[in-house]
Amino acid sequence: MTVIPLAQNILSSFETLKHDMDTIAQNIKDTDSEICDILHDVELTTFNASEGYKLARELQILRKRRREYKEYEEQLDMLRGFVNKHKWIVNDLKLNIKTIEDKVEQQLHRMYSPKIRTDLKIVKMQELRETAR
């Protein structure tokens, strides 16, 4: 049993949150650009009623999508301050995971050397290991 998966879950949560913040910001930017493209098309071209309806419907869909992104971004913003304030946690966590991995490795190869009793089975096993090297 090891605590490494627990530490990795915490680290993964921070990384997922950072990724989501970056992704949602890009989604909003892309949607804004798409809306701008359609508005320029409306401004600079002539169109009939059917084409106008299609453009209005596309704008409606994009605005709703943008609103969903913005609402999610508002929720993420509540955590942004926490994440920025505690950036050091990620680095400390990575160091701790490495230290734990080293400790687990050390524990797997732990050996005991009896201080007084040399007649025990453990002494004979260690002697066999040393001669095998």
N, C-alpha and C. Protein backbone atom coordinates (compact mmCIF):
# COMPACT_ATOMS: atom_id res chain seq x y z
N MET A 1 0.84 -1.17 0.00
CA MET A 1 0.00 0.00 0.00
C MET A 1 0.90 1.25 0.00
N THR A 2 0.51 2.25 -0.80
CA THR A 2 1.30 3.48 -0.89
C THR A 2 0.38 4.68 -1.05
N VAL A 3 0.87 5.83 -0.64
CA VAL A 3 0.07 7.06 -0.72
C VAL A 3 0.29 7.80 -2.03
N ILE A 4 1.14 7.27 -2.89
CA ILE A 4 1.44 7.94 -4.16
C ILE A 4 0.17 8.23 -4.98
N PRO A 5 -0.76 7.28 -5.13
CA PRO A 5 -1.97 7.60 -5.90
C PRO A 5 -2.77 8.77 -5.32
N LEU A 6 -2.80 8.89 -4.01
CA LEU A 6 -3.51 10.03 -3.39
C LEU A 6 -2.85 11.35 -3.78
N ALA A 7 -1.53 11.41 -3.69
CA ALA A 7 -0.80 12.62 -4.04
C ALA A 7 -0.96 12.92 -5.53
N GLN A 8 -0.93 11.88 -6.35
CA GLN A 8 -1.10 12.09 -7.79
C GLN A 8 -2.50 12.57 -8.14
N ASN A 9 -3.52 12.15 -7.39
CA ASN A 9 -4.88 12.65 -7.60
C ASN A 9 -4.97 14.14 -7.30
N ILE A 10 -4.33 14.57 -6.22
CA ILE A 10 -4.33 15.99 -5.89
C ILE A 10 -3.64 16.78 -6.99
N LEU A 11 -2.49 16.30 -7.41
CA LEU A 11 -1.73 16.96 -8.48
C LEU A 11 -2.55 17.00 -9.76
N SER A 12 -3.18 15.91 -10.09
CA SER A 12 -4.01 15.82 -11.30
C SER A 12 -5.16 16.83 -11.25
N SER A 13 -5.75 17.01 -10.08
CA SER A 13 -6.85 17.97 -9.94
C SER A 13 -6.37 19.39 -10.24
N PHE A 14 -5.20 19.75 -9.72
CA PHE A 14 -4.65 21.08 -10.01
C PHE A 14 -4.37 21.25 -11.50
N GLU A 15 -3.80 20.21 -12.11
CA GLU A 15 -3.47 20.29 -13.53
C GLU A 15 -4.73 20.34 -14.39
N THR A 16 -5.76 19.58 -14.03
CA THR A 16 -7.03 19.60 -14.76
C THR A 16 -7.68 20.97 -14.66
N LEU A 17 -7.65 21.56 -13.48
CA LEU A 17 -8.22 22.88 -13.28
C LEU A 17 -7.51 23.91 -14.14
N LYS A 18 -6.19 23.87 -14.15
CA LYS A 18 -5.41 24.80 -14.98
C LYS A 18 -5.73 24.60 -16.46
N HIS A 19 -5.82 23.35 -16.89
CA HIS A 19 -6.15 23.04 -18.28
C HIS A 19 -7.54 23.56 -18.64
N ASP A 20 -8.52 23.34 -17.76
CA ASP A 20 -9.88 23.82 -18.00
C ASP A 20 -9.93 25.34 -18.12
N MET A 21 -9.17 26.04 -17.27
CA MET A 21 -9.14 27.50 -17.33
C MET A 21 -8.59 27.97 -18.68
N ASP A 22 -7.52 27.33 -19.13
CA ASP A 22 -6.93 27.70 -20.42
C ASP A 22 -7.87 27.38 -21.57
N THR A 23 -8.48 26.21 -21.52
CA THR A 23 -9.37 25.77 -22.59
C THR A 23 -10.61 26.65 -22.70
N ILE A 24 -11.23 26.98 -21.57
CA ILE A 24 -12.45 27.78 -21.62
C ILE A 24 -12.15 29.18 -22.12
N ALA A 25 -11.01 29.73 -21.75
CA ALA A 25 -10.62 31.06 -22.25
C ALA A 25 -10.45 31.02 -23.78
N GLN A 26 -9.84 29.96 -24.29
CA GLN A 26 -9.68 29.83 -25.74
C GLN A 26 -11.02 29.63 -26.43
N ASN A 27 -11.92 28.85 -25.82
CA ASN A 27 -13.25 28.64 -26.39
C ASN A 27 -14.02 29.96 -26.51
N ILE A 28 -13.93 30.78 -25.48
CA ILE A 28 -14.61 32.09 -25.51
C ILE A 28 -14.00 32.96 -26.60
N LYS A 29 -12.69 32.97 -26.70
CA LYS A 29 -12.01 33.76 -27.73
C LYS A 29 -12.43 33.30 -29.12
N ASP A 30 -12.45 32.00 -29.36
CA ASP A 30 -12.84 31.46 -30.66
C ASP A 30 -14.29 31.80 -31.00
N THR A 31 -15.17 31.68 -30.01
CA THR A 31 -16.58 32.00 -30.22
C THR A 31 -16.76 33.49 -30.53
N ASP A 32 -16.04 34.34 -29.80
CA ASP A 32 -16.09 35.78 -30.08
C ASP A 32 -15.65 36.08 -31.51
N SER A 33 -14.61 35.42 -31.95
CA SER A 33 -14.11 35.63 -33.32
C SER A 33 -15.14 35.17 -34.35
N GLU A 34 -15.79 34.07 -34.08
CA GLU A 34 -16.82 33.56 -34.99
C GLU A 34 -18.01 34.52 -35.05
N ILE A 35 -18.41 35.05 -33.93
CA ILE A 35 -19.50 36.04 -33.89
C ILE A 35 -19.10 37.28 -34.68
N CYS A 36 -17.87 37.72 -34.49
CA CYS A 36 -17.36 38.88 -35.21
C CYS A 36 -17.38 38.64 -36.72
N ASP A 37 -17.01 37.45 -37.15
CA ASP A 37 -17.04 37.11 -38.58
C ASP A 37 -18.46 37.24 -39.13
N ILE A 38 -19.42 36.69 -38.42
CA ILE A 38 -20.81 36.76 -38.89
C ILE A 38 -21.29 38.20 -38.92
N LEU A 39 -20.97 38.97 -37.89
CA LEU A 39 -21.40 40.38 -37.86
C LEU A 39 -20.79 41.17 -39.02
N HIS A 40 -19.55 40.88 -39.35
CA HIS A 40 -18.95 41.55 -40.50
C HIS A 40 -19.62 41.11 -41.80
N ASP A 41 -20.01 39.87 -41.88
CA ASP A 41 -20.74 39.39 -43.06
C ASP A 41 -22.07 40.14 -43.18
N VAL A 42 -22.76 40.32 -42.06
CA VAL A 42 -24.02 41.06 -42.05
C VAL A 42 -23.78 42.51 -42.47
N GLU A 43 -22.73 43.09 -41.96
CA GLU A 43 -22.42 44.50 -42.23
C GLU A 43 -22.02 44.74 -43.70
N LEU A 44 -21.29 43.82 -44.28
CA LEU A 44 -20.65 44.10 -45.56
C LEU A 44 -21.29 43.41 -46.77
N THR A 45 -22.32 42.63 -46.55
CA THR A 45 -22.97 41.94 -47.67
C THR A 45 -24.46 42.22 -47.66
N THR A 46 -25.10 41.93 -48.78
CA THR A 46 -26.56 41.98 -48.83
C THR A 46 -27.07 40.54 -48.82
N PHE A 47 -28.25 40.36 -48.27
CA PHE A 47 -28.80 39.01 -48.15
C PHE A 47 -30.32 39.11 -48.17
N ASN A 48 -30.95 38.00 -48.51
CA ASN A 48 -32.41 37.96 -48.51
C ASN A 48 -32.91 37.52 -47.14
N ALA A 49 -34.21 37.40 -46.98
CA ALA A 49 -34.81 37.06 -45.69
C ALA A 49 -34.36 35.69 -45.19
N SER A 50 -34.28 34.73 -46.08
CA SER A 50 -33.88 33.38 -45.69
C SER A 50 -32.42 33.39 -45.19
N GLU A 51 -31.57 34.05 -45.94
CA GLU A 51 -30.16 34.14 -45.53
C GLU A 51 -30.02 34.92 -44.22
N GLY A 52 -30.83 35.96 -44.08
CA GLY A 52 -30.81 36.75 -42.85
C GLY A 52 -31.23 35.92 -41.64
N TYR A 53 -32.26 35.09 -41.84
CA TYR A 53 -32.71 34.23 -40.76
C TYR A 53 -31.60 33.25 -40.36
N LYS A 54 -30.92 32.67 -41.36
CA LYS A 54 -29.83 31.72 -41.08
C LYS A 54 -28.71 32.40 -40.30
N LEU A 55 -28.38 33.63 -40.70
CA LEU A 55 -27.33 34.36 -39.98
C LEU A 55 -27.76 34.66 -38.54
N ALA A 56 -29.04 35.08 -38.38
CA ALA A 56 -29.54 35.38 -37.03
C ALA A 56 -29.56 34.11 -36.17
N ARG A 57 -29.94 33.00 -36.77
CA ARG A 57 -29.98 31.73 -36.03
C ARG A 57 -28.56 31.31 -35.62
N GLU A 58 -27.59 31.47 -36.53
CA GLU A 58 -26.20 31.15 -36.18
C GLU A 58 -25.71 32.03 -35.03
N LEU A 59 -26.05 33.32 -35.09
CA LEU A 59 -25.66 34.23 -34.01
C LEU A 59 -26.29 33.81 -32.69
N GLN A 60 -27.55 33.41 -32.74
CA GLN A 60 -28.25 32.97 -31.53
C GLN A 60 -27.56 31.75 -30.92
N ILE A 61 -27.21 30.78 -31.75
CA ILE A 61 -26.55 29.56 -31.27
C ILE A 61 -25.19 29.91 -30.68
N LEU A 62 -24.44 30.76 -31.37
CA LEU A 62 -23.11 31.14 -30.88
C LEU A 62 -23.20 31.92 -29.58
N ARG A 63 -24.16 32.81 -29.46
CA ARG A 63 -24.30 33.60 -28.23
C ARG A 63 -24.67 32.71 -27.05
N LYS A 64 -25.53 31.72 -27.29
CA LYS A 64 -25.88 30.78 -26.21
C LYS A 64 -24.68 29.95 -25.79
N ARG A 65 -23.90 29.51 -26.78
CA ARG A 65 -22.70 28.74 -26.49
C ARG A 65 -21.70 29.59 -25.69
N ARG A 66 -21.55 30.85 -26.13
CA ARG A 66 -20.65 31.76 -25.44
C ARG A 66 -21.10 31.97 -23.99
N ARG A 67 -22.41 32.11 -23.78
CA ARG A 67 -22.95 32.30 -22.43
C ARG A 67 -22.62 31.09 -21.55
N GLU A 68 -22.76 29.89 -22.11
CA GLU A 68 -22.41 28.68 -21.34
C GLU A 68 -20.93 28.69 -20.95
N TYR A 69 -20.08 29.06 -21.90
CA TYR A 69 -18.64 29.14 -21.61
C TYR A 69 -18.37 30.18 -20.52
N LYS A 70 -19.02 31.33 -20.64
CA LYS A 70 -18.79 32.41 -19.67
C LYS A 70 -19.26 32.00 -18.27
N GLU A 71 -20.38 31.30 -18.19
CA GLU A 71 -20.87 30.85 -16.89
C GLU A 71 -19.91 29.85 -16.26
N TYR A 72 -19.36 28.96 -17.07
CA TYR A 72 -18.37 28.00 -16.56
C TYR A 72 -17.11 28.75 -16.14
N GLU A 73 -16.71 29.74 -16.93
CA GLU A 73 -15.53 30.53 -16.58
C GLU A 73 -15.73 31.27 -15.26
N GLU A 74 -16.94 31.77 -15.02
CA GLU A 74 -17.23 32.43 -13.74
C GLU A 74 -17.02 31.47 -12.57
N GLN A 75 -17.46 30.24 -12.75
CA GLN A 75 -17.27 29.25 -11.69
C GLN A 75 -15.79 28.93 -11.50
N LEU A 76 -15.06 28.80 -12.60
CA LEU A 76 -13.62 28.53 -12.51
C LEU A 76 -12.88 29.69 -11.87
N ASP A 77 -13.34 30.92 -12.13
CA ASP A 77 -12.69 32.10 -11.56
C ASP A 77 -12.71 32.08 -10.03
N MET A 78 -13.70 31.43 -9.47
CA MET A 78 -13.77 31.32 -8.02
C MET A 78 -12.56 30.52 -7.49
N LEU A 79 -12.07 29.59 -8.30
CA LEU A 79 -10.92 28.77 -7.91
C LEU A 79 -9.60 29.34 -8.42
N ARG A 80 -9.65 30.23 -9.41
CA ARG A 80 -8.42 30.77 -10.01
C ARG A 80 -7.54 31.44 -8.96
N GLY A 81 -8.14 32.25 -8.09
CA GLY A 81 -7.38 32.92 -7.03
C GLY A 81 -6.70 31.93 -6.11
N PHE A 82 -7.42 30.89 -5.76
CA PHE A 82 -6.86 29.84 -4.90
C PHE A 82 -5.67 29.18 -5.58
N VAL A 83 -5.84 28.82 -6.85
CA VAL A 83 -4.77 28.14 -7.58
C VAL A 83 -3.56 29.05 -7.72
N ASN A 84 -3.78 30.30 -8.07
CA ASN A 84 -2.65 31.23 -8.23
C ASN A 84 -1.94 31.47 -6.90
N LYS A 85 -2.70 31.52 -5.84
CA LYS A 85 -2.14 31.76 -4.51
C LYS A 85 -1.33 30.55 -4.02
N HIS A 86 -1.70 29.38 -4.49
CA HIS A 86 -1.08 28.14 -4.00
C HIS A 86 -0.34 27.37 -5.10
N LYS A 87 0.25 28.09 -6.04
CA LYS A 87 1.01 27.43 -7.11
C LYS A 87 2.12 26.55 -6.55
N TRP A 88 2.68 26.98 -5.44
CA TRP A 88 3.78 26.24 -4.82
C TRP A 88 3.38 24.83 -4.45
N ILE A 89 2.08 24.59 -4.23
CA ILE A 89 1.62 23.26 -3.83
C ILE A 89 1.96 22.24 -4.91
N VAL A 90 1.79 22.63 -6.17
CA VAL A 90 2.07 21.70 -7.26
C VAL A 90 3.53 21.28 -7.24
N ASN A 91 4.43 22.26 -7.11
CA ASN A 91 5.86 21.92 -7.08
C ASN A 91 6.21 21.09 -5.85
N ASP A 92 5.68 21.48 -4.70
CA ASP A 92 5.93 20.70 -3.48
C ASP A 92 5.38 19.28 -3.61
N LEU A 93 4.22 19.17 -4.21
CA LEU A 93 3.60 17.86 -4.38
C LEU A 93 4.45 16.97 -5.28
N LYS A 94 4.99 17.54 -6.36
CA LYS A 94 5.85 16.77 -7.25
C LYS A 94 7.09 16.28 -6.51
N LEU A 95 7.67 17.16 -5.70
CA LEU A 95 8.85 16.76 -4.90
C LEU A 95 8.49 15.68 -3.90
N ASN A 96 7.33 15.84 -3.26
CA ASN A 96 6.89 14.84 -2.27
C ASN A 96 6.63 13.49 -2.92
N ILE A 97 6.05 13.50 -4.11
CA ILE A 97 5.80 12.23 -4.81
C ILE A 97 7.13 11.54 -5.10
N LYS A 98 8.12 12.30 -5.56
CA LYS A 98 9.45 11.72 -5.83
C LYS A 98 10.06 11.16 -4.54
N THR A 99 9.95 11.91 -3.45
CA THR A 99 10.49 11.45 -2.16
C THR A 99 9.78 10.17 -1.70
N ILE A 100 8.48 10.12 -1.87
CA ILE A 100 7.72 8.92 -1.48
C ILE A 100 8.13 7.74 -2.34
N GLU A 101 8.28 7.97 -3.64
CA GLU A 101 8.72 6.88 -4.52
C GLU A 101 10.09 6.36 -4.10
N ASP A 102 10.99 7.25 -3.76
CA ASP A 102 12.31 6.83 -3.28
C ASP A 102 12.19 6.03 -1.99
N LYS A 103 11.33 6.47 -1.10
CA LYS A 103 11.13 5.77 0.19
C LYS A 103 10.54 4.38 -0.05
N VAL A 104 9.58 4.27 -0.95
CA VAL A 104 8.99 2.96 -1.26
C VAL A 104 10.05 2.03 -1.82
N GLU A 105 10.89 2.55 -2.71
CA GLU A 105 11.99 1.75 -3.27
C GLU A 105 12.93 1.28 -2.17
N GLN A 106 13.25 2.19 -1.27
CA GLN A 106 14.13 1.86 -0.14
C GLN A 106 13.48 0.78 0.74
N GLN A 107 12.19 0.91 0.99
CA GLN A 107 11.50 -0.06 1.82
C GLN A 107 11.46 -1.45 1.19
N LEU A 108 11.40 -1.48 -0.15
CA LEU A 108 11.38 -2.78 -0.84
C LEU A 108 12.69 -3.53 -0.69
N HIS A 109 13.78 -2.79 -0.53
CA HIS A 109 15.10 -3.43 -0.45
C HIS A 109 15.71 -3.31 0.95
N ARG A 110 14.89 -3.13 1.92
CA ARG A 110 15.35 -2.99 3.30
C ARG A 110 15.94 -4.31 3.79
N MET A 111 17.02 -4.17 4.52
CA MET A 111 17.67 -5.35 5.10
C MET A 111 17.93 -5.10 6.58
N TYR A 112 17.92 -6.16 7.32
CA TYR A 112 18.21 -6.05 8.74
C TYR A 112 19.46 -6.85 9.04
N SER A 113 20.33 -6.29 9.84
CA SER A 113 21.54 -6.99 10.27
C SER A 113 21.44 -7.23 11.77
N PRO A 114 21.33 -8.51 12.16
CA PRO A 114 21.25 -8.80 13.59
C PRO A 114 22.50 -8.30 14.32
N LYS A 115 22.31 -7.81 15.51
CA LYS A 115 23.40 -7.22 16.28
C LYS A 115 24.13 -8.27 17.13
N ILE A 116 23.41 -9.22 17.64
CA ILE A 116 24.00 -10.21 18.53
C ILE A 116 23.89 -11.61 17.93
N ARG A 117 22.70 -11.99 17.54
CA ARG A 117 22.42 -13.36 17.12
C ARG A 117 22.87 -13.60 15.67
N THR A 118 23.87 -14.35 15.49
CA THR A 118 24.35 -14.68 14.14
C THR A 118 23.90 -16.07 13.70
N ASP A 119 23.12 -16.72 14.53
CA ASP A 119 22.65 -18.06 14.22
C ASP A 119 21.26 -18.05 13.55
N LEU A 120 20.72 -16.87 13.31
CA LEU A 120 19.37 -16.77 12.75
C LEU A 120 19.37 -16.98 11.23
N LYS A 121 18.23 -17.38 10.74
CA LYS A 121 18.06 -17.64 9.32
C LYS A 121 18.33 -16.39 8.47
N ILE A 122 17.98 -15.23 8.99
CA ILE A 122 18.17 -13.99 8.25
C ILE A 122 19.64 -13.73 7.94
N VAL A 123 20.53 -14.12 8.83
CA VAL A 123 21.97 -13.94 8.61
C VAL A 123 22.43 -14.81 7.45
N LYS A 124 21.94 -16.05 7.42
CA LYS A 124 22.32 -16.97 6.34
C LYS A 124 21.79 -16.48 5.00
N MET A 125 20.58 -15.93 4.98
CA MET A 125 20.00 -15.40 3.73
C MET A 125 20.81 -14.21 3.23
N GLN A 126 21.23 -13.35 4.11
CA GLN A 126 22.02 -12.19 3.71
C GLN A 126 23.40 -12.60 3.20
N GLU A 127 23.98 -13.60 3.82
CA GLU A 127 25.28 -14.09 3.36
C GLU A 127 25.17 -14.66 1.95
N LEU A 128 24.05 -15.37 1.68
CA LEU A 128 23.82 -15.92 0.35
C LEU A 128 23.67 -14.80 -0.69
N ARG A 129 22.95 -13.76 -0.34
CA ARG A 129 22.78 -12.62 -1.24
C ARG A 129 24.12 -11.96 -1.55
N GLU A 130 24.94 -11.79 -0.54
CA GLU A 130 26.23 -11.12 -0.73
C GLU A 130 27.16 -11.95 -1.58
N THR A 131 27.14 -13.27 -1.43
CA THR A 131 28.01 -14.12 -2.23
C THR A 131 27.51 -14.22 -3.67
N ALA A 132 26.21 -14.01 -3.86
CA ALA A 132 25.63 -14.05 -5.21
C ALA A 132 26.01 -12.80 -6.02
N ARG A 133 26.37 -11.74 -5.34
CA ARG A 133 26.74 -10.49 -6.04
C ARG A 133 28.04 -10.65 -6.63
